[in-house]
N, C-alpha and C. Protein backbone atom coordinates (compact mmCIF):
# COMPACT_ATOMS: atom_id res chain seq x y z
N MET A 1 0.49 -1.34 -0.33
CA MET A 1 -0.05 0.00 0.61
C MET A 1 0.71 0.91 0.05
N GLU A 2 1.90 1.24 1.53
CA GLU A 2 2.56 2.26 1.17
C GLU A 2 3.52 2.84 -0.16
N ALA A 3 3.89 1.43 -0.66
CA ALA A 3 5.12 1.39 -2.51
C ALA A 3 2.91 2.59 -3.32
N SER A 4 2.37 2.00 -3.43
CA SER A 4 0.73 2.54 -4.02
C SER A 4 0.91 4.05 -4.00
N LEU A 5 1.22 4.25 -2.71
CA LEU A 5 0.39 5.77 -1.97
C LEU A 5 1.82 7.05 -2.83
N THR A 6 3.17 6.18 -2.81
CA THR A 6 4.54 6.61 -3.60
C THR A 6 4.33 7.41 -4.40
N GLN A 7 3.93 5.89 -5.80
CA GLN A 7 4.19 6.08 -6.80
C GLN A 7 2.50 8.18 -6.89
N ILE A 8 1.57 7.18 -6.81
CA ILE A 8 0.42 7.93 -6.64
C ILE A 8 0.90 9.63 -6.46
N LYS A 9 1.85 9.53 -5.66
CA LYS A 9 2.46 11.24 -5.30
C LYS A 9 3.35 10.72 -6.34
N ASN A 10 4.21 10.84 -6.19
CA ASN A 10 5.53 10.87 -8.07
C ASN A 10 4.64 11.10 -9.09
N GLU A 11 3.57 10.83 -9.41
CA GLU A 11 2.65 10.37 -10.43
C GLU A 11 1.46 10.42 -10.26
N PRO A 12 1.08 11.72 -10.74
CA PRO A 12 -0.74 12.39 -9.95
C PRO A 12 -1.18 12.44 -11.20
N ASP A 13 -0.54 12.49 -12.63
CA ASP A 13 -1.87 11.87 -13.45
C ASP A 13 -1.81 10.50 -14.06
N LEU A 14 -1.12 9.67 -12.56
CA LEU A 14 -1.43 8.06 -13.44
C LEU A 14 -3.34 7.50 -12.61
N VAL A 15 -3.61 8.26 -11.82
CA VAL A 15 -4.70 8.41 -11.79
C VAL A 15 -5.84 9.83 -11.57
N ALA A 16 -7.13 9.32 -11.80
CA ALA A 16 -8.02 10.52 -12.49
C ALA A 16 -8.36 10.92 -10.95
N PRO A 17 -8.59 11.97 -11.09
CA PRO A 17 -8.24 12.86 -9.86
C PRO A 17 -9.80 12.85 -9.45
N GLY A 18 -11.12 12.00 -9.98
CA GLY A 18 -12.26 11.96 -9.66
C GLY A 18 -12.03 11.28 -8.60
N TRP A 19 -10.71 10.17 -8.59
CA TRP A 19 -10.98 8.37 -8.39
C TRP A 19 -10.71 8.96 -6.44
N THR A 20 -11.88 7.54 -6.13
CA THR A 20 -11.77 7.05 -4.67
C THR A 20 -11.43 6.57 -3.67
N LEU A 21 -10.69 6.13 -3.53
CA LEU A 21 -9.53 4.91 -2.69
C LEU A 21 -10.84 4.64 -1.55
N TYR A 22 -10.94 3.54 -1.75
CA TYR A 22 -12.09 3.57 -0.13
C TYR A 22 -10.44 1.60 0.00
N SER A 23 -10.20 1.48 1.89
CA SER A 23 -9.79 -0.15 1.92
C SER A 23 -11.19 -0.21 3.18
N VAL A 24 -11.56 -1.49 3.35
CA VAL A 24 -13.06 -2.30 3.76
C VAL A 24 -12.51 -3.01 4.13
N ARG A 25 -12.21 -3.11 5.46
CA ARG A 25 -12.41 -4.56 6.71
C ARG A 25 -13.50 -5.16 7.03
N PRO A 26 -13.75 -6.51 6.52
CA PRO A 26 -15.03 -7.08 7.02
C PRO A 26 -15.11 -7.87 8.30
N GLU A 27 -17.32 -7.50 7.98
CA GLU A 27 -17.72 -8.77 9.58
C GLU A 27 -17.05 -9.50 10.03
N SER A 28 -17.56 -9.79 8.08
CA SER A 28 -17.84 -11.33 8.01
C SER A 28 -17.84 -12.01 6.75
N VAL A 29 -17.46 -13.03 6.59
CA VAL A 29 -17.67 -13.43 5.20
C VAL A 29 -18.35 -14.80 5.01
N GLU A 30 -19.20 -14.68 4.14
CA GLU A 30 -20.40 -16.04 3.76
C GLU A 30 -20.13 -16.66 2.73
N PHE A 31 -20.30 -17.60 2.50
CA PHE A 31 -20.63 -18.02 1.07
C PHE A 31 -21.18 -19.61 1.22
N TRP A 32 -22.03 -19.53 0.18
CA TRP A 32 -23.45 -20.92 0.91
C TRP A 32 -22.38 -21.97 -0.58
N GLN A 33 -22.98 -23.01 0.16
CA GLN A 33 -21.93 -24.63 -1.20
C GLN A 33 -23.66 -25.19 -2.06
N GLY A 34 -24.68 -25.28 -2.74
CA GLY A 34 -24.99 -25.57 -3.38
C GLY A 34 -25.40 -27.67 -2.85
N ASP A 35 -26.47 -28.04 -3.69
CA ASP A 35 -26.50 -29.05 -2.95
C ASP A 35 -28.09 -29.47 -4.03
N LYS A 36 -27.69 -31.07 -4.28
CA LYS A 36 -29.04 -30.75 -5.61
C LYS A 36 -30.03 -31.17 -4.45
N GLN A 37 -29.60 -31.69 -3.63
CA GLN A 37 -31.24 -31.83 -2.60
C GLN A 37 -31.09 -31.06 -2.69
N ARG A 38 -31.17 -29.29 -2.49
CA ARG A 38 -31.18 -28.25 -1.34
C ARG A 38 -30.76 -28.04 -0.77
N ARG A 39 -29.91 -29.61 -0.18
CA ARG A 39 -29.53 -28.19 1.15
C ARG A 39 -28.31 -27.89 1.52
N HIS A 40 -28.14 -26.93 1.77
CA HIS A 40 -27.54 -25.97 1.05
C HIS A 40 -26.51 -25.83 2.20
N THR A 41 -24.90 -25.75 1.87
CA THR A 41 -24.07 -25.43 3.33
C THR A 41 -24.35 -23.97 3.69
N ARG A 42 -23.81 -23.29 4.59
CA ARG A 42 -23.92 -21.37 5.49
C ARG A 42 -22.59 -22.08 5.38
N LEU A 43 -21.75 -22.12 4.52
CA LEU A 43 -20.31 -21.09 5.63
C LEU A 43 -19.69 -19.26 5.88
N VAL A 44 -20.13 -19.54 7.43
CA VAL A 44 -19.37 -18.02 8.10
C VAL A 44 -18.12 -18.13 8.50
N TYR A 45 -17.34 -17.03 8.04
CA TYR A 45 -16.53 -17.25 8.74
C TYR A 45 -16.01 -15.95 9.10
N LEU A 46 -16.27 -15.70 11.02
CA LEU A 46 -16.06 -14.74 11.66
C LEU A 46 -14.63 -13.97 12.27
N PRO A 47 -14.51 -12.98 12.74
CA PRO A 47 -13.35 -12.28 12.92
C PRO A 47 -13.00 -13.52 14.18
N SER A 48 -11.97 -14.44 14.64
CA SER A 48 -11.15 -14.03 16.36
C SER A 48 -11.18 -13.86 15.97
N THR A 49 -10.95 -13.68 18.36
CA THR A 49 -10.94 -12.89 19.54
C THR A 49 -10.32 -11.37 18.59
N GLY A 50 -9.96 -10.92 18.06
CA GLY A 50 -8.58 -10.04 17.68
C GLY A 50 -9.04 -9.35 17.43
N GLY A 51 -10.20 -9.65 16.47
CA GLY A 51 -11.67 -8.38 15.52
C GLY A 51 -10.91 -8.63 14.17
N PRO A 52 -11.46 -7.48 13.58
CA PRO A 52 -11.46 -7.27 12.02
C PRO A 52 -10.23 -7.18 11.88
N SER A 53 -9.90 -6.00 13.16
CA SER A 53 -7.96 -4.69 13.24
C SER A 53 -6.99 -5.57 13.17
N SER A 54 -7.22 -7.50 13.34
CA SER A 54 -5.62 -8.14 13.78
C SER A 54 -6.02 -8.77 11.69
N CYS A 55 -6.97 -8.62 11.25
CA CYS A 55 -6.74 -9.43 10.59
C CYS A 55 -5.74 -9.26 9.65
N CYS A 56 -5.29 -11.19 9.01
CA CYS A 56 -4.44 -11.35 8.23
C CYS A 56 -4.92 -11.36 6.74
N GLY A 57 -5.76 -12.06 7.09
CA GLY A 57 -6.28 -12.82 6.34
C GLY A 57 -8.05 -13.74 6.63
N LEU A 58 -8.00 -14.53 5.92
CA LEU A 58 -8.91 -15.42 6.92
C LEU A 58 -8.62 -16.08 7.05
N ASP A 59 -6.91 -16.61 7.86
CA ASP A 59 -7.29 -17.55 9.22
C ASP A 59 -7.51 -16.58 9.91
N SER A 60 -7.32 -14.89 10.03
CA SER A 60 -8.41 -15.43 11.15
C SER A 60 -9.30 -15.43 11.45
N TYR A 61 -10.27 -16.22 10.71
CA TYR A 61 -11.71 -16.45 10.17
C TYR A 61 -11.95 -17.52 10.70
N PRO A 62 -12.45 -17.72 11.79
CA PRO A 62 -12.75 -19.00 12.18
C PRO A 62 -13.68 -19.88 11.48
N ILE A 63 -13.59 -20.77 10.58
CA ILE A 63 -15.31 -21.43 10.25
C ILE A 63 -16.72 -21.79 10.29
N HIS A 64 -17.50 -21.21 10.64
CA HIS A 64 -18.97 -22.30 10.76
C HIS A 64 -19.36 -22.40 10.24
N LYS A 65 -19.77 -23.40 9.98
CA LYS A 65 -21.13 -24.02 9.18
C LYS A 65 -22.61 -24.53 9.83
N TYR A 66 -23.47 -23.66 8.97
CA TYR A 66 -24.38 -23.51 9.11
C TYR A 66 -25.38 -25.24 8.21
C-alpha cells in the first residue's frame, strides 16, 4: 500500500482526480455451497477474538458451518 501511495504522489496523472480509494475490513465473510437436494451449506467466517482490525487473511476468521 505504501509503495502504491508513493507512486501516486510521484506520478499524479496516474490516477484520475475524481477517483476515491476505499479500504474495506469485513466483519464477516459468507459463502453458500449448493446441493442437488437443496440442502445448502452455509459457511460463515467470523473474526477471531482479535477482531477485524487484527485480520491478516481468512486464517483469522474461524469457519462456522450451518
